[in-house]
């Protein structure tokens, strides 16, 4: 089940985020950069702010199975467009469709808001995530392919099939 995040979810979201980051940063980024106490506090504060956003500013969506958080996605909308800021699946739930379900829910929200293009940054060594995004239509930014250790990707948000004008209009 995909649903909007609530303030009571923040601890579970931050813990899932830490587990996911540990899988793709391990061996490449010093552990204190993603798992020391100060970083965990910073992450929790960031998730608290994200969950508190208004609908016009973006959303945080949770994937849940049997009452347990299995994934999270967050996006932010500002004057310069919409950015998918986070999409994480608990590593114990990889390859079960959780990420695809979260991505589809984000697409629905972006279409409803009228977004035609969305941006994201993905860690350069996170090949699993890069393959996931490529399967879902994300493409490298030809003008600004890198942002530090992250690759910049764009998704053209096409209207849902059959969502065009009705006949006679």
Protein backbone atom coordinates (compact mmCIF):
# COMPACT_ATOMS: atom_id res chain seq x y z
CA UNK A 1 0.00 0.00 0.00
CA UNK A 2 1.25 3.50 -0.87
CA UNK A 3 0.11 6.37 1.33
CA UNK A 4 1.08 9.87 2.37
CA UNK A 5 3.61 10.07 5.19
CA UNK A 6 2.56 11.34 8.62
CA UNK A 7 4.69 12.97 11.31
CA UNK A 8 4.51 9.74 13.33
CA UNK A 9 6.38 7.99 10.45
CA UNK A 10 9.53 10.11 10.67
CA UNK A 11 11.55 7.76 12.90
CA UNK A 12 10.76 4.75 10.70
CA UNK A 13 11.50 6.75 7.54
CA UNK A 14 14.85 7.97 8.88
CA UNK A 15 15.83 4.44 9.94
CA UNK A 16 14.90 3.01 6.52
CA UNK A 17 16.84 5.82 4.83
CA UNK A 18 19.92 4.98 6.93
CA UNK A 19 19.71 1.26 6.04
CA UNK A 20 19.34 2.02 2.34
CA UNK A 21 22.22 4.51 2.31
CA UNK A 22 24.47 2.03 4.10
CA UNK A 23 24.02 -0.45 1.24
CA UNK A 24 25.15 1.87 -1.53
CA UNK A 25 27.67 4.00 0.37
CA UNK A 26 29.45 1.15 2.20
CA UNK A 27 33.07 0.91 1.12
CA UNK A 28 32.89 4.15 -0.88
CA UNK A 29 31.95 6.84 1.62
CA UNK A 30 33.20 7.04 5.22
CA UNK A 31 30.58 5.59 7.58
CA UNK A 32 30.36 8.80 9.61
CA UNK A 33 29.03 10.54 6.48
CA UNK A 34 25.87 8.43 6.53
CA UNK A 35 25.62 6.58 9.84
CA UNK A 36 27.11 8.53 12.74
CA UNK A 37 24.79 10.08 15.33
CA UNK A 38 25.06 13.64 13.98
CA UNK A 39 24.18 12.49 10.47
CA UNK A 40 21.22 10.46 11.74
CA UNK A 41 19.91 13.52 13.62
CA UNK A 42 20.37 15.68 10.50
CA UNK A 43 18.55 13.10 8.40
CA UNK A 44 15.64 12.88 10.85
CA UNK A 45 15.35 16.69 10.87
CA UNK A 46 15.29 16.73 7.07
CA UNK A 47 12.56 14.10 6.96
CA UNK A 48 10.57 16.03 9.56
CA UNK A 49 10.68 19.11 7.32
CA UNK A 50 9.81 17.08 4.22
CA UNK A 51 6.78 15.44 5.85
CA UNK A 52 5.57 18.87 7.00
CA UNK A 53 5.56 20.33 3.47
CA UNK A 54 2.32 21.55 2.00
CA UNK A 55 0.95 19.63 -0.99
CA UNK A 56 2.02 22.51 -3.24
CA UNK A 57 5.62 22.17 -1.97
CA UNK A 58 5.86 18.42 -2.51
CA UNK A 59 5.07 15.16 -0.78
CA UNK A 60 6.52 12.21 1.06
CA UNK A 61 4.97 8.86 0.19
CA UNK A 62 5.37 5.65 2.17
CA UNK A 63 5.13 2.07 0.99
CA UNK A 64 3.75 -0.16 3.68
CA UNK A 65 3.31 -3.91 3.97
CA UNK A 66 1.57 -5.53 6.93
CA UNK A 67 1.84 -2.26 8.87
CA UNK A 68 5.61 -1.99 8.33
CA UNK A 69 7.32 0.73 6.30
CA UNK A 70 9.08 -0.85 3.31
CA UNK A 71 9.89 2.17 1.18
CA UNK A 72 9.73 5.95 0.96
CA UNK A 73 9.78 8.54 -1.81
CA UNK A 74 9.91 12.32 -1.50
CA UNK A 75 9.69 15.09 -4.02
CA UNK A 76 9.82 18.84 -3.81
CA UNK A 77 8.23 21.39 -6.10
CA UNK A 78 9.66 24.91 -6.31
CA UNK A 79 9.72 27.76 -8.80
CA UNK A 80 12.44 25.99 -10.81
CA UNK A 81 10.47 22.74 -11.12
CA UNK A 82 9.97 19.41 -9.41
CA UNK A 83 12.76 17.24 -8.02
CA UNK A 84 12.55 13.66 -6.83
CA UNK A 85 14.71 14.13 -3.75
CA UNK A 86 14.55 10.61 -2.29
CA UNK A 87 13.39 7.14 -3.27
CA UNK A 88 14.49 4.35 -0.95
CA UNK A 89 13.36 0.78 -0.47
CA UNK A 90 14.32 -1.25 2.58
CA UNK A 91 17.04 -3.61 1.28
CA UNK A 92 15.06 -6.58 2.63
CA UNK A 93 12.28 -5.64 0.19
CA UNK A 94 14.30 -5.11 -2.98
CA UNK A 95 12.97 -6.66 -6.19
CA UNK A 96 9.41 -6.93 -4.86
CA UNK A 97 7.86 -4.02 -6.76
CA UNK A 98 8.00 -1.53 -3.89
CA UNK A 99 10.16 0.97 -5.77
CA UNK A 100 8.01 0.66 -8.89
CA UNK A 101 4.85 1.27 -6.84
CA UNK A 102 6.36 4.35 -5.20
CA UNK A 103 7.55 5.63 -8.58
CA UNK A 104 4.07 5.13 -10.08
CA UNK A 105 2.49 7.03 -7.16
CA UNK A 106 4.95 9.89 -7.70
CA UNK A 107 4.10 9.94 -11.41
CA UNK A 108 0.40 10.17 -10.57
CA UNK A 109 1.07 13.10 -8.24
CA UNK A 110 3.27 14.85 -10.81
CA UNK A 111 0.65 14.43 -13.52
CA UNK A 112 -2.08 15.73 -11.21
CA UNK A 113 0.07 18.78 -10.45
CA UNK A 114 0.76 19.39 -14.14
CA UNK A 115 4.50 18.69 -14.00
CA UNK A 116 5.93 17.89 -17.40
CA UNK A 117 9.52 17.22 -16.36
CA UNK A 118 11.15 16.03 -13.11
CA UNK A 119 14.79 16.00 -12.04
CA UNK A 120 16.79 13.79 -9.68
CA UNK A 121 20.36 13.15 -8.62
CA UNK A 122 21.62 9.59 -8.09
CA UNK A 123 24.90 8.54 -6.46
CA UNK A 124 27.38 7.67 -9.22
CA UNK A 125 28.24 4.27 -7.71
CA UNK A 126 24.62 3.25 -7.04
CA UNK A 127 24.29 1.16 -10.18
CA UNK A 128 21.15 -0.59 -8.89
CA UNK A 129 19.33 2.73 -8.61
CA UNK A 130 20.63 3.93 -11.97
CA UNK A 131 19.28 0.79 -13.65
CA UNK A 132 15.93 1.24 -11.88
CA UNK A 133 15.63 4.83 -13.08
CA UNK A 134 16.65 3.93 -16.64
CA UNK A 135 13.91 1.25 -16.72
CA UNK A 136 11.43 3.93 -15.68
CA UNK A 137 12.42 6.37 -18.42
CA UNK A 138 14.90 8.66 -16.63
CA UNK A 139 17.68 9.97 -18.86
CA UNK A 140 20.99 11.75 -18.14
CA UNK A 141 21.01 15.53 -18.32
CA UNK A 142 23.00 16.32 -21.48
CA UNK A 143 23.86 19.84 -20.24
CA UNK A 144 24.73 19.06 -16.60
CA UNK A 145 25.40 15.32 -16.29
CA UNK A 146 27.11 15.52 -12.87
CA UNK A 147 26.61 17.22 -9.55
CA UNK A 148 29.65 16.26 -7.49
CA UNK A 149 29.46 12.51 -6.88
CA UNK A 150 25.92 12.32 -8.28
CA UNK A 151 24.53 11.99 -11.78
CA UNK A 152 21.67 14.26 -12.82
CA UNK A 153 18.72 12.56 -14.53
CA UNK A 154 15.48 13.88 -16.03
CA UNK A 155 12.12 12.29 -16.64
CA UNK A 156 9.63 13.64 -19.15
CA UNK A 157 6.23 13.19 -17.51
CA UNK A 158 3.85 12.11 -20.24
CA UNK A 159 0.12 12.29 -19.65
CA UNK A 160 -1.46 8.97 -18.76
CA UNK A 161 -2.67 7.11 -21.86
CA UNK A 162 -6.23 8.05 -22.60
CA UNK A 163 -5.97 11.27 -20.59
CA UNK A 164 -6.09 13.52 -23.62
CA UNK A 165 -9.14 15.52 -24.68
CA UNK A 166 -12.35 13.57 -24.96
CA UNK A 167 -13.90 13.27 -28.39
CA UNK A 168 -16.02 16.19 -29.30
CA UNK A 169 -14.06 18.65 -27.17
